[in-house]
C-alpha cells in the first residue's frame, strides 16, 4: 500500500465541525456575498422582464442597425452572469476558501472529535 489507510469520519465529527465557530464564520462570509448578489441579480432580471412586458416601445428603441435596447439588455443578462461568477471566484479565493481549506484539513486530521472519542 502506497498511501496510508484513512479512517472514515464519523457523523459526530461532522456535527462537531458543523457546530464549530469556523463553520459559522464560513457561512457568514458566504452569505455576505451570496445574498446581496442574488437579490441584485434577481432584481435586474425582473426589471428586464417587466420592461420587456410593459415598456415595449422603450425596449424597441434602436441602438444601432437592427439591434434594439431589448437585445442589448438581454445580452447584458449574460454579461452580468459571467461578471457575478468572476466576482464570486475572486471573493471565494480571498474570503471563504482559506477557512474551508483549514476546516477540511482539521476534519481529515480528525481534530473535531468529541472528548469521548479520543
N, C-alpha and C. Protein backbone atom coordinates (compact mmCIF):
# COMPACT_ATOMS: atom_id res chain seq x y z
N UNK A 1 0.84 -1.18 0.00
CA UNK A 1 0.00 0.00 0.00
C UNK A 1 0.89 1.25 0.00
N UNK A 2 0.66 2.13 -0.97
CA UNK A 2 1.49 3.34 -1.06
C UNK A 2 0.95 4.47 -0.20
N UNK A 3 -0.30 4.47 0.01
CA UNK A 3 -0.94 5.55 0.77
C UNK A 3 -1.46 4.98 2.07
N UNK A 4 -1.21 5.65 3.19
CA UNK A 4 -1.72 5.11 4.47
C UNK A 4 -3.24 5.07 4.46
N UNK A 5 -3.77 4.04 5.10
CA UNK A 5 -5.22 3.90 5.17
C UNK A 5 -5.79 5.03 6.02
N UNK A 6 -6.88 5.56 5.56
CA UNK A 6 -7.51 6.66 6.29
C UNK A 6 -8.75 6.14 7.00
N UNK A 7 -8.91 6.58 8.22
CA UNK A 7 -10.10 6.23 8.98
C UNK A 7 -11.24 7.11 8.51
N UNK A 8 -12.40 6.53 8.33
CA UNK A 8 -13.57 7.30 7.91
C UNK A 8 -14.00 8.25 9.01
N UNK A 9 -14.54 9.38 8.60
CA UNK A 9 -15.06 10.34 9.57
C UNK A 9 -16.39 9.86 10.11
N UNK A 10 -16.62 10.14 11.35
CA UNK A 10 -17.88 9.73 11.98
C UNK A 10 -18.90 10.86 11.86
N UNK A 11 -20.17 10.51 11.97
CA UNK A 11 -21.20 11.57 11.97
C UNK A 11 -20.97 12.60 13.08
N UNK A 12 -20.46 12.13 14.22
CA UNK A 12 -20.19 13.04 15.33
C UNK A 12 -19.12 14.06 14.97
N UNK A 13 -18.10 13.62 14.22
CA UNK A 13 -17.05 14.56 13.80
C UNK A 13 -17.62 15.62 12.86
N UNK A 14 -18.49 15.20 11.96
CA UNK A 14 -19.14 16.18 11.07
C UNK A 14 -19.99 17.16 11.87
N UNK A 15 -20.71 16.63 12.88
CA UNK A 15 -21.53 17.52 13.71
C UNK A 15 -20.66 18.52 14.48
N UNK A 16 -19.55 18.02 15.00
CA UNK A 16 -18.62 18.91 15.72
C UNK A 16 -18.10 20.01 14.79
N UNK A 17 -17.75 19.64 13.57
CA UNK A 17 -17.27 20.64 12.60
C UNK A 17 -18.38 21.63 12.27
N UNK A 18 -19.59 21.12 12.09
CA UNK A 18 -20.72 21.99 11.75
C UNK A 18 -21.03 22.96 12.89
N UNK A 19 -20.82 22.55 14.11
CA UNK A 19 -21.10 23.41 15.26
C UNK A 19 -19.93 24.33 15.62
N UNK A 20 -18.83 24.22 14.88
CA UNK A 20 -17.63 24.99 15.23
C UNK A 20 -17.77 26.46 14.84
N UNK A 21 -17.03 27.32 15.52
CA UNK A 21 -17.02 28.75 15.16
C UNK A 21 -16.51 28.98 13.73
N UNK A 22 -15.60 28.12 13.27
CA UNK A 22 -15.08 28.27 11.91
C UNK A 22 -16.18 28.09 10.87
N UNK A 23 -17.05 27.10 11.11
CA UNK A 23 -18.13 26.85 10.16
C UNK A 23 -19.14 27.99 10.19
N UNK A 24 -19.41 28.51 11.36
CA UNK A 24 -20.31 29.67 11.49
C UNK A 24 -19.74 30.85 10.71
N UNK A 25 -18.45 31.07 10.83
CA UNK A 25 -17.79 32.16 10.10
C UNK A 25 -17.83 31.90 8.59
N UNK A 26 -17.63 30.67 8.18
CA UNK A 26 -17.68 30.31 6.77
C UNK A 26 -19.06 30.61 6.18
N UNK A 27 -20.11 30.21 6.90
CA UNK A 27 -21.48 30.50 6.45
C UNK A 27 -21.72 32.01 6.38
N UNK A 28 -21.25 32.74 7.36
CA UNK A 28 -21.44 34.20 7.38
C UNK A 28 -20.76 34.84 6.18
N UNK A 29 -19.53 34.44 5.90
CA UNK A 29 -18.80 35.01 4.78
C UNK A 29 -19.47 34.67 3.44
N UNK A 30 -19.95 33.44 3.31
CA UNK A 30 -20.64 33.05 2.07
C UNK A 30 -21.91 33.87 1.89
N UNK A 31 -22.71 33.97 2.94
CA UNK A 31 -23.98 34.71 2.85
C UNK A 31 -23.76 36.19 2.60
N UNK A 32 -22.66 36.74 3.13
CA UNK A 32 -22.37 38.16 2.94
C UNK A 32 -22.20 38.49 1.45
N UNK A 33 -21.75 37.52 0.67
CA UNK A 33 -21.62 37.73 -0.78
C UNK A 33 -22.88 37.26 -1.51
N UNK A 34 -23.32 36.05 -1.20
CA UNK A 34 -24.37 35.40 -1.99
C UNK A 34 -25.72 36.10 -1.90
N UNK A 35 -26.12 36.51 -0.73
CA UNK A 35 -27.45 37.11 -0.58
C UNK A 35 -27.57 38.43 -1.34
N UNK A 36 -26.67 39.40 -1.15
CA UNK A 36 -26.82 40.65 -1.91
C UNK A 36 -26.71 40.44 -3.42
N UNK A 37 -25.79 39.57 -3.85
CA UNK A 37 -25.64 39.32 -5.29
C UNK A 37 -26.88 38.66 -5.87
N UNK A 38 -27.45 37.73 -5.15
CA UNK A 38 -28.66 37.06 -5.62
C UNK A 38 -29.81 38.05 -5.72
N UNK A 39 -29.98 38.88 -4.70
CA UNK A 39 -31.05 39.88 -4.72
C UNK A 39 -30.84 40.86 -5.87
N UNK A 40 -29.61 41.32 -6.04
CA UNK A 40 -29.32 42.27 -7.12
C UNK A 40 -29.58 41.65 -8.49
N UNK A 41 -29.14 40.42 -8.70
CA UNK A 41 -29.34 39.80 -10.00
C UNK A 41 -30.82 39.54 -10.26
N UNK A 42 -31.56 39.06 -9.26
CA UNK A 42 -32.98 38.81 -9.46
C UNK A 42 -33.74 40.11 -9.73
N UNK A 43 -33.34 41.19 -9.07
CA UNK A 43 -33.98 42.50 -9.33
C UNK A 43 -33.69 42.94 -10.76
N UNK A 44 -32.45 42.79 -11.21
CA UNK A 44 -32.05 43.14 -12.57
C UNK A 44 -32.82 42.30 -13.58
N UNK A 45 -32.96 41.00 -13.32
CA UNK A 45 -33.70 40.12 -14.22
C UNK A 45 -35.19 40.50 -14.24
N UNK A 46 -35.76 40.75 -13.07
CA UNK A 46 -37.17 41.14 -13.00
C UNK A 46 -37.40 42.45 -13.73
N UNK A 47 -36.49 43.40 -13.59
CA UNK A 47 -36.59 44.66 -14.33
C UNK A 47 -36.61 44.40 -15.83
N UNK A 48 -35.73 43.53 -16.30
CA UNK A 48 -35.68 43.19 -17.72
C UNK A 48 -37.00 42.58 -18.19
N UNK A 49 -37.54 41.65 -17.42
CA UNK A 49 -38.81 41.01 -17.78
C UNK A 49 -39.94 42.04 -17.79
N UNK A 50 -39.98 42.89 -16.76
CA UNK A 50 -41.04 43.90 -16.70
C UNK A 50 -40.93 44.91 -17.84
N UNK A 51 -39.72 45.34 -18.15
CA UNK A 51 -39.54 46.26 -19.28
C UNK A 51 -39.95 45.59 -20.59
N UNK A 52 -39.61 44.33 -20.75
CA UNK A 52 -39.98 43.60 -21.97
C UNK A 52 -41.49 43.46 -22.11
N UNK A 53 -42.17 43.37 -20.98
CA UNK A 53 -43.62 43.19 -20.99
C UNK A 53 -44.38 44.50 -21.08
N UNK A 54 -43.96 45.48 -20.29
CA UNK A 54 -44.75 46.70 -20.16
C UNK A 54 -44.15 47.94 -20.83
N UNK A 55 -42.92 47.88 -21.25
CA UNK A 55 -42.29 49.04 -21.91
C UNK A 55 -41.77 48.62 -23.28
N UNK A 56 -42.68 48.08 -24.09
CA UNK A 56 -42.31 47.55 -25.40
C UNK A 56 -41.70 48.64 -26.27
N UNK A 57 -42.26 49.84 -26.23
CA UNK A 57 -41.72 50.94 -27.04
C UNK A 57 -40.28 51.26 -26.64
N UNK A 58 -40.02 51.30 -25.34
CA UNK A 58 -38.66 51.57 -24.86
C UNK A 58 -37.71 50.46 -25.31
N UNK A 59 -38.12 49.21 -25.14
CA UNK A 59 -37.26 48.08 -25.49
C UNK A 59 -37.06 47.98 -27.01
N UNK A 60 -37.96 48.57 -27.78
CA UNK A 60 -37.85 48.54 -29.24
C UNK A 60 -36.97 49.66 -29.79
N UNK A 61 -36.49 50.52 -28.91
CA UNK A 61 -35.63 51.63 -29.33
C UNK A 61 -34.38 51.09 -30.01
N UNK A 62 -34.15 51.57 -31.24
CA UNK A 62 -32.97 51.11 -31.98
C UNK A 62 -31.70 51.72 -31.39
N UNK A 63 -30.71 50.88 -31.18
CA UNK A 63 -29.42 51.32 -30.65
C UNK A 63 -28.48 51.54 -31.82
N UNK A 64 -28.38 50.54 -32.69
CA UNK A 64 -27.63 50.66 -33.94
C UNK A 64 -28.09 49.54 -34.87
N UNK A 65 -28.19 49.84 -36.14
CA UNK A 65 -28.64 48.85 -37.12
C UNK A 65 -29.97 48.22 -36.71
N UNK A 66 -30.01 46.89 -36.72
CA UNK A 66 -31.22 46.17 -36.31
C UNK A 66 -31.19 45.78 -34.84
N UNK A 67 -30.25 46.29 -34.10
CA UNK A 67 -30.12 45.97 -32.67
C UNK A 67 -30.90 46.99 -31.85
N UNK A 68 -31.81 46.49 -31.02
CA UNK A 68 -32.60 47.39 -30.18
C UNK A 68 -32.18 47.25 -28.72
N UNK A 69 -32.75 48.10 -27.88
CA UNK A 69 -32.42 48.12 -26.46
C UNK A 69 -32.72 46.78 -25.79
N UNK A 70 -33.79 46.11 -26.21
CA UNK A 70 -34.14 44.81 -25.64
C UNK A 70 -33.05 43.78 -25.85
N UNK A 71 -32.46 43.77 -27.05
CA UNK A 71 -31.37 42.84 -27.35
C UNK A 71 -30.15 43.17 -26.47
N UNK A 72 -29.83 44.45 -26.38
CA UNK A 72 -28.66 44.87 -25.59
C UNK A 72 -28.85 44.48 -24.12
N UNK A 73 -30.04 44.76 -23.57
CA UNK A 73 -30.28 44.40 -22.17
C UNK A 73 -30.34 42.89 -21.98
N UNK A 74 -30.86 42.17 -22.95
CA UNK A 74 -30.88 40.71 -22.88
C UNK A 74 -29.47 40.13 -22.86
N UNK A 75 -28.60 40.65 -23.71
CA UNK A 75 -27.21 40.22 -23.69
C UNK A 75 -26.52 40.63 -22.39
N UNK A 76 -26.99 41.76 -21.86
CA UNK A 76 -26.47 42.21 -20.56
C UNK A 76 -26.74 41.20 -19.45
N UNK A 77 -27.81 40.43 -19.58
CA UNK A 77 -28.09 39.38 -18.60
C UNK A 77 -26.96 38.34 -18.59
N UNK A 78 -26.49 37.97 -19.77
CA UNK A 78 -25.39 37.01 -19.86
C UNK A 78 -24.10 37.61 -19.29
N UNK A 79 -23.83 38.85 -19.66
CA UNK A 79 -22.63 39.52 -19.17
C UNK A 79 -22.66 39.60 -17.65
N UNK A 80 -23.81 39.94 -17.11
CA UNK A 80 -23.96 40.03 -15.66
C UNK A 80 -23.69 38.67 -15.00
N UNK A 81 -24.19 37.61 -15.59
CA UNK A 81 -23.97 36.27 -15.04
C UNK A 81 -22.48 35.94 -14.99
N UNK A 82 -21.77 36.21 -16.07
CA UNK A 82 -20.33 35.95 -16.08
C UNK A 82 -19.59 36.85 -15.10
N UNK A 83 -20.00 38.10 -15.00
CA UNK A 83 -19.37 39.03 -14.06
C UNK A 83 -19.55 38.56 -12.62
N UNK A 84 -20.76 38.16 -12.27
CA UNK A 84 -21.02 37.68 -10.90
C UNK A 84 -20.18 36.44 -10.62
N UNK A 85 -20.05 35.56 -11.62
CA UNK A 85 -19.24 34.36 -11.44
C UNK A 85 -17.79 34.74 -11.14
N UNK A 86 -17.25 35.67 -11.91
CA UNK A 86 -15.87 36.10 -11.70
C UNK A 86 -15.70 36.78 -10.33
N UNK A 87 -16.67 37.59 -9.95
CA UNK A 87 -16.61 38.24 -8.64
C UNK A 87 -16.65 37.20 -7.52
N UNK A 88 -17.48 36.18 -7.69
CA UNK A 88 -17.57 35.14 -6.66
C UNK A 88 -16.27 34.35 -6.56
N UNK A 89 -15.67 34.02 -7.70
CA UNK A 89 -14.41 33.28 -7.67
C UNK A 89 -13.35 34.08 -6.92
N UNK A 90 -13.26 35.37 -7.21
CA UNK A 90 -12.28 36.22 -6.53
C UNK A 90 -12.59 36.34 -5.04
N UNK A 91 -13.86 36.56 -4.71
CA UNK A 91 -14.27 36.69 -3.31
C UNK A 91 -14.01 35.39 -2.56
N UNK A 92 -14.39 34.29 -3.17
CA UNK A 92 -14.21 32.98 -2.54
C UNK A 92 -12.74 32.68 -2.29
N UNK A 93 -11.89 32.99 -3.25
CA UNK A 93 -10.46 32.74 -3.09
C UNK A 93 -9.88 33.49 -1.89
N UNK A 94 -10.40 34.69 -1.65
CA UNK A 94 -9.89 35.51 -0.55
C UNK A 94 -10.58 35.24 0.77
N UNK A 95 -11.89 35.03 0.74
CA UNK A 95 -12.68 35.04 1.97
C UNK A 95 -13.15 33.68 2.48
N UNK A 96 -13.56 32.79 1.60
CA UNK A 96 -14.13 31.53 2.08
C UNK A 96 -13.21 30.33 1.92
N UNK A 97 -12.44 30.28 0.85
CA UNK A 97 -11.58 29.12 0.62
C UNK A 97 -10.57 28.88 1.73
N UNK A 98 -9.91 29.92 2.26
CA UNK A 98 -8.95 29.65 3.34
C UNK A 98 -9.61 29.00 4.56
N UNK A 99 -10.79 29.45 4.93
CA UNK A 99 -11.50 28.86 6.08
C UNK A 99 -11.92 27.43 5.75
N UNK A 100 -12.45 27.22 4.56
CA UNK A 100 -12.88 25.88 4.16
C UNK A 100 -11.70 24.92 4.08
N UNK A 101 -10.58 25.39 3.56
CA UNK A 101 -9.38 24.54 3.48
C UNK A 101 -8.90 24.14 4.87
N UNK A 102 -8.89 25.10 5.77
CA UNK A 102 -8.47 24.81 7.15
C UNK A 102 -9.41 23.80 7.80
N UNK A 103 -10.71 23.97 7.59
CA UNK A 103 -11.68 23.02 8.16
C UNK A 103 -11.49 21.63 7.58
N UNK A 104 -11.26 21.55 6.27
CA UNK A 104 -11.06 20.25 5.63
C UNK A 104 -9.83 19.56 6.23
N UNK A 105 -8.75 20.31 6.40
CA UNK A 105 -7.54 19.74 6.98
C UNK A 105 -7.79 19.24 8.40
N UNK A 106 -8.53 20.01 9.17
CA UNK A 106 -8.84 19.59 10.54
C UNK A 106 -9.73 18.35 10.54
N UNK A 107 -10.70 18.30 9.60
CA UNK A 107 -11.54 17.10 9.51
C UNK A 107 -10.71 15.88 9.15
N UNK A 108 -9.83 16.04 8.16
CA UNK A 108 -9.00 14.91 7.73
C UNK A 108 -8.05 14.46 8.84
N UNK A 109 -7.67 15.38 9.72
CA UNK A 109 -6.80 15.04 10.84
C UNK A 109 -7.62 14.58 12.05
N UNK A 110 -8.93 14.51 11.90
CA UNK A 110 -9.85 14.08 12.96
C UNK A 110 -9.74 14.95 14.20
N UNK A 111 -9.57 16.24 14.00
CA UNK A 111 -9.47 17.18 15.12
C UNK A 111 -10.83 17.62 15.66
N UNK A 112 -11.90 17.20 15.04
CA UNK A 112 -13.23 17.59 15.51
C UNK A 112 -13.87 16.50 16.36
N UNK A 113 -13.07 15.56 16.83
CA UNK A 113 -13.61 14.50 17.70
C UNK A 113 -14.04 15.07 19.03
N UNK A 114 -15.11 14.53 19.55
CA UNK A 114 -15.53 14.95 20.88
C UNK A 114 -14.62 14.27 21.91
N UNK A 115 -14.65 14.75 23.12
CA UNK A 115 -13.75 14.24 24.17
C UNK A 115 -13.92 12.74 24.38
N UNK A 116 -15.11 12.22 24.21
CA UNK A 116 -15.37 10.80 24.43
C UNK A 116 -14.81 9.91 23.35
N UNK A 117 -14.35 10.46 22.24
CA UNK A 117 -13.87 9.65 21.12
C UNK A 117 -12.36 9.55 21.07
N UNK A 118 -11.64 10.17 21.97
CA UNK A 118 -10.19 10.17 21.95
C UNK A 118 -9.72 8.78 21.94
